[in-house]
Amino acid sequence: MPRHKDVVFIGSALKDLKSFPLDARRAAGFQLDLLQQGEEPFDWRPMKTVGRGVNEIRITEESGAFRVFYVVNRPEAIYVLHALHKTTRKTETRDIELARARLQEIN
């Protein structure tokens, strides 16, 4: 049985995730739970622009599009770097830079 990993939120990532509407918050929580169990989220992709080993969970609900940037390739925990409500097709530069800075905090 795979080990259940803790989720560690960096900076304001937990506060940002809690600001999501209920449907998106529930979806994000479910996807993070899958990661904790060693499974892959339903909709994710690598975020090489942020850094090596960083992925994003993509959530699309009636309330909008949301993203959760995380690092799962560490043995000790899953690190959530950033959570955001996506309002444009392209991820904003400020969101990428914030996630990069938070990645440096755990390196």
PDB file of N, CA and C in Angstrom:
ATOM      1  N   MET A   1       0.848  -1.184   0.000  1.00  0.00           N
ATOM      2  CA  MET A   1       0.000   0.000   0.000  1.00  0.00           C
ATOM      3  C   MET A   1       0.891   1.245   0.000  1.00  0.00           C
ATOM      4  N   PRO A   2       0.655   2.195  -0.954  1.00  0.00           N
ATOM      5  CA  PRO A   2       1.496   3.388  -1.002  1.00  0.00           C
ATOM      6  C   PRO A   2       1.311   4.252   0.239  1.00  0.00           C
ATOM      7  N   ARG A   3       2.388   4.921   0.588  1.00  0.00           N
ATOM      8  CA  ARG A   3       2.367   5.812   1.749  1.00  0.00           C
ATOM      9  C   ARG A   3       1.538   7.061   1.430  1.00  0.00           C
ATOM     10  N   HIS A   4       0.717   7.465   2.357  1.00  0.00           N
ATOM     11  CA  HIS A   4      -0.108   8.663   2.223  1.00  0.00           C
ATOM     12  C   HIS A   4       0.781   9.881   2.470  1.00  0.00           C
ATOM     13  N   LYS A   5       0.968  10.720   1.450  1.00  0.00           N
ATOM     14  CA  LYS A   5       1.818  11.907   1.591  1.00  0.00           C
ATOM     15  C   LYS A   5       1.024  13.081   2.149  1.00  0.00           C
ATOM     16  N   ASP A   6       1.688  13.879   2.964  1.00  0.00           N
ATOM     17  CA  ASP A   6       1.090  15.120   3.448  1.00  0.00           C
ATOM     18  C   ASP A   6       1.100  16.153   2.333  1.00  0.00           C
ATOM     19  N   VAL A   7       0.154  17.075   2.385  1.00  0.00           N
ATOM     20  CA  VAL A   7       0.128  18.216   1.477  1.00  0.00           C
ATOM     21  C   VAL A   7       0.596  19.424   2.269  1.00  0.00           C
ATOM     22  N   VAL A   8       1.606  20.119   1.744  1.00  0.00           N
ATOM     23  CA  VAL A   8       2.157  21.308   2.388  1.00  0.00           C
ATOM     24  C   VAL A   8       1.898  22.494   1.466  1.00  0.00           C
ATOM     25  N   PHE A   9       1.231  23.509   1.987  1.00  0.00           N
ATOM     26  CA  PHE A   9       0.925  24.705   1.211  1.00  0.00           C
ATOM     27  C   PHE A   9       1.999  25.750   1.473  1.00  0.00           C
ATOM     28  N   ILE A  10       2.544  26.320   0.401  1.00  0.00           N
ATOM     29  CA  ILE A  10       3.609  27.318   0.496  1.00  0.00           C
ATOM     30  C   ILE A  10       2.993  28.713   0.315  1.00  0.00           C
ATOM     31  N   GLY A  11       3.450  29.644   1.138  1.00  0.00           N
ATOM     32  CA  GLY A  11       2.957  31.020   1.039  1.00  0.00           C
ATOM     33  C   GLY A  11       1.460  31.091   1.266  1.00  0.00           C
ATOM     34  N   SER A  12       0.771  31.804   0.391  1.00  0.00           N
ATOM     35  CA  SER A  12      -0.682  31.986   0.530  1.00  0.00           C
ATOM     36  C   SER A  12      -1.480  30.961  -0.273  1.00  0.00           C
ATOM     37  N   ALA A  13      -0.845  29.860  -0.689  1.00  0.00           N
ATOM     38  CA  ALA A  13      -1.525  28.883  -1.551  1.00  0.00           C
ATOM     39  C   ALA A  13      -2.807  28.336  -0.921  1.00  0.00           C
ATOM     40  N   LEU A  14      -2.800  28.053   0.377  1.00  0.00           N
ATOM     41  CA  LEU A  14      -4.009  27.531   1.022  1.00  0.00           C
ATOM     42  C   LEU A  14      -5.104  28.596   1.050  1.00  0.00           C
ATOM     43  N   LYS A  15      -4.734  29.805   1.395  1.00  0.00           N
ATOM     44  CA  LYS A  15      -5.704  30.911   1.413  1.00  0.00           C
ATOM     45  C   LYS A  15      -6.279  31.122   0.014  1.00  0.00           C
ATOM     46  N   ASP A  16      -5.420  31.062  -0.996  1.00  0.00           N
ATOM     47  CA  ASP A  16      -5.868  31.242  -2.376  1.00  0.00           C
ATOM     48  C   ASP A  16      -6.826  30.125  -2.784  1.00  0.00           C
ATOM     49  N   LEU A  17      -6.501  28.893  -2.414  1.00  0.00           N
ATOM     50  CA  LEU A  17      -7.366  27.763  -2.745  1.00  0.00           C
ATOM     51  C   LEU A  17      -8.710  27.886  -2.028  1.00  0.00           C
ATOM     52  N   LYS A  18      -8.676  28.335  -0.786  1.00  0.00           N
ATOM     53  CA  LYS A  18      -9.926  28.504  -0.026  1.00  0.00           C
ATOM     54  C   LYS A  18     -10.808  29.609  -0.605  1.00  0.00           C
ATOM     55  N   SER A  19     -10.230  30.492  -1.423  1.00  0.00           N
ATOM     56  CA  SER A  19     -11.022  31.556  -2.043  1.00  0.00           C
ATOM     57  C   SER A  19     -11.765  31.069  -3.290  1.00  0.00           C
ATOM     58  N   PHE A  20     -11.463  29.849  -3.765  1.00  0.00           N
ATOM     59  CA  PHE A  20     -12.176  29.284  -4.909  1.00  0.00           C
ATOM     60  C   PHE A  20     -13.651  29.104  -4.532  1.00  0.00           C
ATOM     61  N   PRO A  21     -14.555  29.181  -5.522  1.00  0.00           N
ATOM     62  CA  PRO A  21     -15.951  28.812  -5.260  1.00  0.00           C
ATOM     63  C   PRO A  21     -16.030  27.345  -4.815  1.00  0.00           C
ATOM     64  N   LEU A  22     -17.105  26.988  -4.163  1.00  0.00           N
ATOM     65  CA  LEU A  22     -17.242  25.660  -3.571  1.00  0.00           C
ATOM     66  C   LEU A  22     -16.996  24.532  -4.568  1.00  0.00           C
ATOM     67  N   ASP A  23     -17.562  24.619  -5.786  1.00  0.00           N
ATOM     68  CA  ASP A  23     -17.381  23.527  -6.746  1.00  0.00           C
ATOM     69  C   ASP A  23     -15.912  23.333  -7.109  1.00  0.00           C
ATOM     70  N   ALA A  24     -15.200  24.420  -7.325  1.00  0.00           N
ATOM     71  CA  ALA A  24     -13.777  24.339  -7.677  1.00  0.00           C
ATOM     72  C   ALA A  24     -12.942  23.880  -6.485  1.00  0.00           C
ATOM     73  N   ARG A  25     -13.299  24.327  -5.285  1.00  0.00           N
ATOM     74  CA  ARG A  25     -12.592  23.909  -4.069  1.00  0.00           C
ATOM     75  C   ARG A  25     -12.724  22.404  -3.869  1.00  0.00           C
ATOM     76  N   ARG A  26     -13.930  21.899  -4.059  1.00  0.00           N
ATOM     77  CA  ARG A  26     -14.153  20.455  -3.916  1.00  0.00           C
ATOM     78  C   ARG A  26     -13.361  19.673  -4.957  1.00  0.00           C
ATOM     79  N   ALA A  27     -13.369  20.152  -6.192  1.00  0.00           N
ATOM     80  CA  ALA A  27     -12.627  19.474  -7.262  1.00  0.00           C
ATOM     81  C   ALA A  27     -11.131  19.474  -6.957  1.00  0.00           C
ATOM     82  N   ALA A  28     -10.612  20.596  -6.495  1.00  0.00           N
ATOM     83  CA  ALA A  28      -9.185  20.680  -6.159  1.00  0.00           C
ATOM     84  C   ALA A  28      -8.854  19.731  -5.016  1.00  0.00           C
ATOM     85  N   GLY A  29      -9.699  19.694  -4.001  1.00  0.00           N
ATOM     86  CA  GLY A  29      -9.476  18.795  -2.871  1.00  0.00           C
ATOM     87  C   GLY A  29      -9.469  17.340  -3.296  1.00  0.00           C
ATOM     88  N   PHE A  30     -10.382  16.977  -4.185  1.00  0.00           N
ATOM     89  CA  PHE A  30     -10.441  15.600  -4.681  1.00  0.00           C
ATOM     90  C   PHE A  30      -9.169  15.246  -5.442  1.00  0.00           C
ATOM     91  N   GLN A  31      -8.711  16.165  -6.297  1.00  0.00           N
ATOM     92  CA  GLN A  31      -7.498  15.915  -7.090  1.00  0.00           C
ATOM     93  C   GLN A  31      -6.264  15.812  -6.191  1.00  0.00           C
ATOM     94  N   LEU A  32      -6.175  16.656  -5.176  1.00  0.00           N
ATOM     95  CA  LEU A  32      -5.053  16.575  -4.233  1.00  0.00           C
ATOM     96  C   LEU A  32      -5.101  15.268  -3.448  1.00  0.00           C
ATOM     97  N   ASP A  33      -6.301  14.806  -3.134  1.00  0.00           N
ATOM     98  CA  ASP A  33      -6.441  13.522  -2.443  1.00  0.00           C
ATOM     99  C   ASP A  33      -5.922  12.381  -3.319  1.00  0.00           C
ATOM    100  N   LEU A  34      -6.208  12.433  -4.619  1.00  0.00           N
ATOM    101  CA  LEU A  34      -5.663  11.425  -5.539  1.00  0.00           C
ATOM    102  C   LEU A  34      -4.137  11.418  -5.480  1.00  0.00           C
ATOM    103  N   LEU A  35      -3.538  12.612  -5.504  1.00  0.00           N
ATOM    104  CA  LEU A  35      -2.075  12.711  -5.421  1.00  0.00           C
ATOM    105  C   LEU A  35      -1.565  12.088  -4.129  1.00  0.00           C
ATOM    106  N   GLN A  36      -2.241  12.350  -3.028  1.00  0.00           N
ATOM    107  CA  GLN A  36      -1.821  11.805  -1.736  1.00  0.00           C
ATOM    108  C   GLN A  36      -1.831  10.280  -1.739  1.00  0.00           C
ATOM    109  N   GLN A  37      -2.711   9.705  -2.533  1.00  0.00           N
ATOM    110  CA  GLN A  37      -2.819   8.249  -2.617  1.00  0.00           C
ATOM    111  C   GLN A  37      -1.891   7.650  -3.678  1.00  0.00           C
ATOM    112  N   GLY A  38      -1.075   8.503  -4.308  1.00  0.00           N
ATOM    113  CA  GLY A  38      -0.147   8.022  -5.321  1.00  0.00           C
ATOM    114  C   GLY A  38      -0.744   7.925  -6.712  1.00  0.00           C
ATOM    115  N   GLU A  39      -1.936   8.468  -6.904  1.00  0.00           N
ATOM    116  CA  GLU A  39      -2.610   8.456  -8.207  1.00  0.00           C
ATOM    117  C   GLU A  39      -2.348   9.779  -8.926  1.00  0.00           C
ATOM    118  N   GLU A  40      -2.713   9.819 -10.207  1.00  0.00           N
ATOM    119  CA  GLU A  40      -2.603  11.063 -10.969  1.00  0.00           C
ATOM    120  C   GLU A  40      -3.943  11.790 -10.946  1.00  0.00           C
ATOM    121  N   PRO A  41      -3.916  13.121 -10.953  1.00  0.00           N
ATOM    122  CA  PRO A  41      -5.169  13.876 -11.075  1.00  0.00           C
ATOM    123  C   PRO A  41      -5.793  13.596 -12.452  1.00  0.00           C
ATOM    124  N   PHE A  42      -7.074  13.901 -12.600  1.00  0.00           N
ATOM    125  CA  PHE A  42      -7.762  13.660 -13.865  1.00  0.00           C
ATOM    126  C   PHE A  42      -7.236  14.545 -14.990  1.00  0.00           C
ATOM    127  N   ASP A  43      -6.975  15.803 -14.704  1.00  0.00           N
ATOM    128  CA  ASP A  43      -6.541  16.745 -15.739  1.00  0.00           C
ATOM    129  C   ASP A  43      -5.351  17.536 -15.204  1.00  0.00           C
ATOM    130  N   TRP A  44      -4.180  17.231 -15.707  1.00  0.00           N
ATOM    131  CA  TRP A  44      -2.967  17.896 -15.242  1.00  0.00           C
ATOM    132  C   TRP A  44      -1.987  18.006 -16.400  1.00  0.00           C
ATOM    133  N   ARG A  45      -0.994  18.856 -16.215  1.00  0.00           N
ATOM    134  CA  ARG A  45       0.101  18.937 -17.188  1.00  0.00           C
ATOM    135  C   ARG A  45       1.336  19.476 -16.494  1.00  0.00           C
ATOM    136  N   PRO A  46       2.506  19.156 -17.051  1.00  0.00           N
ATOM    137  CA  PRO A  46       3.747  19.697 -16.486  1.00  0.00           C
ATOM    138  C   PRO A  46       3.802  21.210 -16.695  1.00  0.00           C
ATOM    139  N   MET A  47       4.382  21.902 -15.739  1.00  0.00           N
ATOM    140  CA  MET A  47       4.579  23.354 -15.841  1.00  0.00           C
ATOM    141  C   MET A  47       6.077  23.635 -15.902  1.00  0.00           C
ATOM    142  N   LYS A  48       6.676  23.279 -17.029  1.00  0.00           N
ATOM    143  CA  LYS A  48       8.119  23.456 -17.199  1.00  0.00           C
ATOM    144  C   LYS A  48       8.528  24.920 -17.104  1.00  0.00           C
ATOM    145  N   THR A  49       7.597  25.827 -17.413  1.00  0.00           N
ATOM    146  CA  THR A  49       7.914  27.257 -17.309  1.00  0.00           C
ATOM    147  C   THR A  49       8.136  27.680 -15.860  1.00  0.00           C
ATOM    148  N   VAL A  50       7.565  26.933 -14.917  1.00  0.00           N
ATOM    149  CA  VAL A  50       7.778  27.223 -13.496  1.00  0.00           C
ATOM    150  C   VAL A  50       9.060  26.559 -13.021  1.00  0.00           C
ATOM    151  N   GLY A  51       9.234  25.283 -13.362  1.00  0.00           N
ATOM    152  CA  GLY A  51      10.439  24.574 -12.942  1.00  0.00           C
ATOM    153  C   GLY A  51      10.286  23.074 -13.093  1.00  0.00           C
ATOM    154  N   ARG A  52      11.396  22.398 -12.991  1.00  0.00           N
ATOM    155  CA  ARG A  52      11.419  20.944 -13.113  1.00  0.00           C
ATOM    156  C   ARG A  52      10.621  20.299 -11.981  1.00  0.00           C
ATOM    157  N   GLY A  53       9.747  19.376 -12.347  1.00  0.00           N
ATOM    158  CA  GLY A  53       8.961  18.669 -11.349  1.00  0.00           C
ATOM    159  C   GLY A  53       7.680  19.366 -10.930  1.00  0.00           C
ATOM    160  N   VAL A  54       7.411  20.542 -11.511  1.00  0.00           N
ATOM    161  CA  VAL A  54       6.187  21.274 -11.169  1.00  0.00           C
ATOM    162  C   VAL A  54       5.090  20.917 -12.176  1.00  0.00           C
ATOM    163  N   ASN A  55       3.918  20.606 -11.659  1.00  0.00           N
ATOM    164  CA  ASN A  55       2.758  20.297 -12.487  1.00  0.00           C
ATOM    165  C   ASN A  55       1.614  21.210 -12.089  1.00  0.00           C
ATOM    166  N   GLU A  56       0.578  21.220 -12.929  1.00  0.00           N
ATOM    167  CA  GLU A  56      -0.625  21.973 -12.574  1.00  0.00           C
ATOM    168  C   GLU A  56      -1.834  21.069 -12.705  1.00  0.00           C
ATOM    169  N   ILE A  57      -2.717  21.171 -11.738  1.00  0.00           N
ATOM    170  CA  ILE A  57      -4.034  20.549 -11.827  1.00  0.00           C
ATOM    171  C   ILE A  57      -4.923  21.572 -12.517  1.00  0.00           C
ATOM    172  N   ARG A  58      -5.650  21.114 -13.534  1.00  0.00           N
ATOM    173  CA  ARG A  58      -6.548  22.002 -14.271  1.00  0.00           C
ATOM    174  C   ARG A  58      -7.990  21.669 -13.886  1.00  0.00           C
ATOM    175  N   ILE A  59      -8.670  22.670 -13.403  1.00  0.00           N
ATOM    176  CA  ILE A  59     -10.048  22.506 -12.940  1.00  0.00           C
ATOM    177  C   ILE A  59     -10.939  23.436 -13.748  1.00  0.00           C
ATOM    178  N   THR A  60     -11.960  22.865 -14.363  1.00  0.00           N
ATOM    179  CA  THR A  60     -12.939  23.665 -15.089  1.00  0.00           C
ATOM    180  C   THR A  60     -14.310  23.335 -14.527  1.00  0.00           C
ATOM    181  N   GLU A  61     -14.924  24.326 -13.947  1.00  0.00           N
ATOM    182  CA  GLU A  61     -16.245  24.177 -13.345  1.00  0.00           C
ATOM    183  C   GLU A  61     -17.148  25.269 -13.902  1.00  0.00           C
ATOM    184  N   GLU A  62     -18.415  25.205 -13.545  1.00  0.00           N
ATOM    185  CA  GLU A  62     -19.352  26.236 -13.955  1.00  0.00           C
ATOM    186  C   GLU A  62     -18.877  27.616 -13.514  1.00  0.00           C
ATOM    187  N   SER A  63     -18.191  27.655 -12.389  1.00  0.00           N
ATOM    188  CA  SER A  63     -17.725  28.926 -11.826  1.00  0.00           C
ATOM    189  C   SER A  63     -16.459  29.460 -12.499  1.00  0.00           C
ATOM    190  N   GLY A  64     -15.848  28.695 -13.405  1.00  0.00           N
ATOM    191  CA  GLY A  64     -14.671  29.179 -14.116  1.00  0.00           C
ATOM    192  C   GLY A  64     -13.551  28.162 -14.188  1.00  0.00           C
ATOM    193  N   ALA A  65     -12.385  28.647 -14.618  1.00  0.00           N
ATOM    194  CA  ALA A  65     -11.184  27.808 -14.746  1.00  0.00           C
ATOM    195  C   ALA A  65     -10.233  28.139 -13.600  1.00  0.00           C
ATOM    196  N   PHE A  66      -9.691  27.095 -12.991  1.00  0.00           N
ATOM    197  CA  PHE A  66      -8.819  27.250 -11.835  1.00  0.00           C
ATOM    198  C   PHE A  66      -7.605  26.360 -12.010  1.00  0.00           C
ATOM    199  N   ARG A  67      -6.487  26.750 -11.411  1.00  0.00           N
ATOM    200  CA  ARG A  67      -5.246  25.987 -11.504  1.00  0.00           C
ATOM    201  C   ARG A  67      -4.615  25.860 -10.126  1.00  0.00           C
ATOM    202  N   VAL A  68      -3.983  24.703  -9.908  1.00  0.00           N
ATOM    203  CA  VAL A  68      -3.228  24.458  -8.682  1.00  0.00           C
ATOM    204  C   VAL A  68      -1.860  23.952  -9.109  1.00  0.00           C
ATOM    205  N   PHE A  69      -0.797  24.718  -8.818  1.00  0.00           N
ATOM    206  CA  PHE A  69       0.577  24.318  -9.140  1.00  0.00           C
ATOM    207  C   PHE A  69       1.133  23.535  -7.960  1.00  0.00           C
ATOM    208  N   TYR A  70       1.745  22.397  -8.252  1.00  0.00           N
ATOM    209  CA  TYR A  70       2.235  21.542  -7.173  1.00  0.00           C
ATOM    210  C   TYR A  70       3.504  20.804  -7.576  1.00  0.00           C
ATOM    211  N   VAL A  71       4.217  20.325  -6.566  1.00  0.00           N
ATOM    212  CA  VAL A  71       5.401  19.480  -6.740  1.00  0.00           C
ATOM    213  C   VAL A  71       5.105  18.179  -6.012  1.00  0.00           C
ATOM    214  N   VAL A  72       5.196  17.058  -6.724  1.00  0.00           N
ATOM    215  CA  VAL A  72       4.861  15.771  -6.113  1.00  0.00           C
ATOM    216  C   VAL A  72       6.064  14.834  -6.058  1.00  0.00           C
ATOM    217  N   ASN A  73       7.162  15.210  -6.705  1.00  0.00           N
ATOM    218  CA  ASN A  73       8.307  14.291  -6.830  1.00  0.00           C
ATOM    219  C   ASN A  73       9.242  14.302  -5.623  1.00  0.00           C
ATOM    220  N   ARG A  74       8.775  14.821  -4.511  1.00  0.00           N
ATOM    221  CA  ARG A  74       9.558  14.802  -3.273  1.00  0.00           C
ATOM    222  C   ARG A  74       9.046  13.670  -2.400  1.00  0.00           C
ATOM    223  N   PRO A  75       9.928  12.924  -1.765  1.00  0.00           N
ATOM    224  CA  PRO A  75       9.458  11.787  -0.968  1.00  0.00           C
ATOM    225  C   PRO A  75       8.694  12.197   0.294  1.00  0.00           C
ATOM    226  N   GLU A  76       8.971  13.391   0.815  1.00  0.00           N
ATOM    227  CA  GLU A  76       8.404  13.768   2.113  1.00  0.00           C
ATOM    228  C   GLU A  76       6.996  14.351   2.038  1.00  0.00           C
ATOM    229  N   ALA A  77       6.627  14.992   0.916  1.00  0.00           N
ATOM    230  CA  ALA A  77       5.330  15.671   0.868  1.00  0.00           C
ATOM    231  C   ALA A  77       4.984  16.095  -0.554  1.00  0.00           C
ATOM    232  N   ILE A  78       3.746  16.507  -0.714  1.00  0.00           N
ATOM    233  CA  ILE A  78       3.282  17.182  -1.926  1.00  0.00           C
ATOM    234  C   ILE A  78       3.250  18.663  -1.571  1.00  0.00           C
ATOM    235  N   TYR A  79       3.917  19.476  -2.360  1.00  0.00           N
ATOM    236  CA  TYR A  79       3.974  20.913  -2.088  1.00  0.00           C
ATOM    237  C   TYR A  79       3.063  21.654  -3.060  1.00  0.00           C
ATOM    238  N   VAL A  80       2.108  22.402  -2.526  1.00  0.00           N
ATOM    239  CA  VAL A  80       1.250  23.243  -3.349  1.00  0.00           C
ATOM    240  C   VAL A  80       1.882  24.631  -3.364  1.00  0.00           C
ATOM    241  N   LEU A  81       2.307  25.046  -4.551  1.00  0.00           N
ATOM    242  CA  LEU A  81       3.019  26.314  -4.695  1.00  0.00           C
ATOM    243  C   LEU A  81       2.081  27.497  -4.900  1.00  0.00           C
ATOM    244  N   HIS A  82       0.981  27.261  -5.626  1.00  0.00           N
ATOM    245  CA  HIS A  82       0.114  28.380  -5.984  1.00  0.00           C
ATOM    246  C   HIS A  82      -1.244  27.839  -6.411  1.00  0.00           C
ATOM    247  N   ALA A  83      -2.288  28.597  -6.158  1.00  0.00           N
ATOM    248  CA  ALA A  83      -3.640  28.277  -6.605  1.00  0.00           C
ATOM    249  C   ALA A  83      -4.239  29.556  -7.176  1.00  0.00           C
ATOM    250  N   LEU A  84      -4.854  29.463  -8.343  1.00  0.00           N
ATOM    251  CA  LEU A  84      -5.338  30.673  -8.992  1.00  0.00           C
ATOM    252  C   LEU A  84      -6.601  30.443  -9.795  1.00  0.00           C
ATOM    253  N   HIS A  85      -7.358  31.512  -9.962  1.00  0.00           N
ATOM    254  CA  HIS A  85      -8.514  31.554 -10.854  1.00  0.00           C
ATOM    255  C   HIS A  85      -7.983  32.060 -12.182  1.00  0.00           C
ATOM    256  N   LYS A  86      -8.110  31.252 -13.203  1.00  0.00           N
ATOM    257  CA  LYS A  86      -7.544  31.609 -14.503  1.00  0.00           C
ATOM    258  C   LYS A  86      -8.565  32.434 -15.285  1.00  0.00           C
ATOM    259  N   THR A  87      -8.148  33.608 -15.730  1.00  0.00           N
ATOM    260  CA  THR A  87      -9.065  34.502 -16.439  1.00  0.00           C
ATOM    261  C   THR A  87      -8.666  34.733 -17.890  1.00  0.00           C
ATOM    262  N   THR A  88      -7.494  34.236 -18.291  1.00  0.00           N
ATOM    263  CA  THR A  88      -7.038  34.360 -19.680  1.00  0.00           C
ATOM    264  C   THR A  88      -6.559  32.990 -20.157  1.00  0.00           C
ATOM    265  N   ARG A  89      -6.411  32.835 -21.482  1.00  0.00           N
ATOM    266  CA  ARG A  89      -5.930  31.553 -22.020  1.00  0.00           C
ATOM    267  C   ARG A  89      -4.529  31.225 -21.529  1.00  0.00           C
ATOM    268  N   LYS A  90      -3.676  32.231 -21.524  1.00  0.00           N
ATOM    269  CA  LYS A  90      -2.286  32.025 -21.126  1.00  0.00           C
ATOM    270  C   LYS A  90      -2.135  32.316 -19.629  1.00  0.00           C
ATOM    271  N   THR A  91      -1.327  31.501 -18.956  1.00  0.00           N
ATOM    272  CA  THR A  91      -1.068  31.747 -17.533  1.00  0.00           C
ATOM    273  C   THR A  91      -0.291  33.052 -17.393  1.00  0.00           C
ATOM    274  N   GLU A  92      -0.757  33.902 -16.513  1.00  0.00           N
ATOM    275  CA  GLU A  92      -0.130  35.211 -16.303  1.00  0.00           C
ATOM    276  C   GLU A  92       1.321  35.062 -15.842  1.00  0.00           C
ATOM    277  N   THR A  93       2.181  35.943 -16.323  1.00  0.00           N
ATOM    278  CA  THR A  93       3.594  35.933 -15.948  1.00  0.00           C
ATOM    279  C   THR A  93       3.756  36.056 -14.438  1.00  0.00           C
ATOM    280  N   ARG A  94       2.957  36.891 -13.798  1.00  0.00           N
ATOM    281  CA  ARG A  94       3.078  37.079 -12.343  1.00  0.00           C
ATOM    282  C   ARG A  94       2.798  35.780 -11.591  1.00  0.00           C
ATOM    283  N   ASP A  95       1.874  34.956 -12.110  1.00  0.00           N
ATOM    284  CA  ASP A  95       1.577  33.675 -11.459  1.00  0.00           C
ATOM    285  C   ASP A  95       2.738  32.699 -11.620  1.00  0.00           C
ATOM    286  N   ILE A  96       3.349  32.686 -12.783  1.00  0.00           N
ATOM    287  CA  ILE A  96       4.513  31.819 -13.025  1.00  0.00           C
ATOM    288  C   ILE A  96       5.675  32.252 -12.138  1.00  0.00           C
ATOM    289  N   GLU A  97       5.922  33.556 -12.061  1.00  0.00           N
ATOM    290  CA  GLU A  97       7.025  34.063 -11.235  1.00  0.00           C
ATOM    291  C   GLU A  97       6.796  33.787  -9.749  1.00  0.00           C
ATOM    292  N   LEU A  98       5.560  33.920  -9.294  1.00  0.00           N
ATOM    293  CA  LEU A  98       5.242  33.629  -7.896  1.00  0.00           C
ATOM    294  C   LEU A  98       5.493  32.151  -7.590  1.00  0.00           C
ATOM    295  N   ALA A  99       5.053  31.270  -8.483  1.00  0.00           N
ATOM    296  CA  ALA A  99       5.275  29.834  -8.287  1.00  0.00           C
ATOM    297  C   ALA A  99       6.768  29.508  -8.306  1.00  0.00           C
ATOM    298  N   ARG A 100       7.531  30.167  -9.177  1.00  0.00           N
ATOM    299  CA  ARG A 100       8.993  29.959  -9.211  1.00  0.00           C
ATOM    300  C   ARG A 100       9.631  30.357  -7.886  1.00  0.00           C
ATOM    301  N   ALA A 101       9.224  31.499  -7.359  1.00  0.00           N
ATOM    302  CA  ALA A 101       9.782  31.971  -6.084  1.00  0.00           C
ATOM    303  C   ALA A 101       9.447  30.993  -4.960  1.00  0.00           C
ATOM    304  N   ARG A 102       8.239  30.473  -4.958  1.00  0.00           N
ATOM    305  CA  ARG A 102       7.849  29.513  -3.923  1.00  0.00           C
ATOM    306  C   ARG A 102       8.571  28.181  -4.099  1.00  0.00           C
ATOM    307  N   LEU A 103       8.853  27.811  -5.335  1.00  0.00           N
ATOM    308  CA  LEU A 103       9.637  26.598  -5.583  1.00  0.00           C
ATOM    309  C   LEU A 103      11.029  26.753  -4.981  1.00  0.00           C
ATOM    310  N   GLN A 104      11.607  27.941  -5.092  1.00  0.00           N
ATOM    311  CA  GLN A 104      12.927  28.196  -4.511  1.00  0.00           C
ATOM    312  C   GLN A 104      12.902  28.037  -2.991  1.00  0.00           C
ATOM    313  N   GLU A 105      11.775  28.345  -2.369  1.00  0.00           N
ATOM    314  CA  GLU A 105      11.651  28.205  -0.912  1.00  0.00           C
ATOM    315  C   GLU A 105      11.793  26.757  -0.457  1.00  0.00           C
ATOM    316  N   ILE A 106      11.398  25.811  -1.302  1.00  0.00           N
ATOM    317  CA  ILE A 106      11.470  24.399  -0.893  1.00  0.00           C
ATOM    318  C   ILE A 106      12.707  23.698  -1.433  1.00  0.00           C
ATOM    319  N   ASN A 107      13.480  24.380  -2.258  1.00  0.00           N
ATOM    320  CA  ASN A 107      14.718  23.777  -2.795  1.00  0.00           C
ATOM    321  C   ASN A 107      15.880  23.951  -1.848  1.00  0.00           C
TER     322      ASN A 107
END
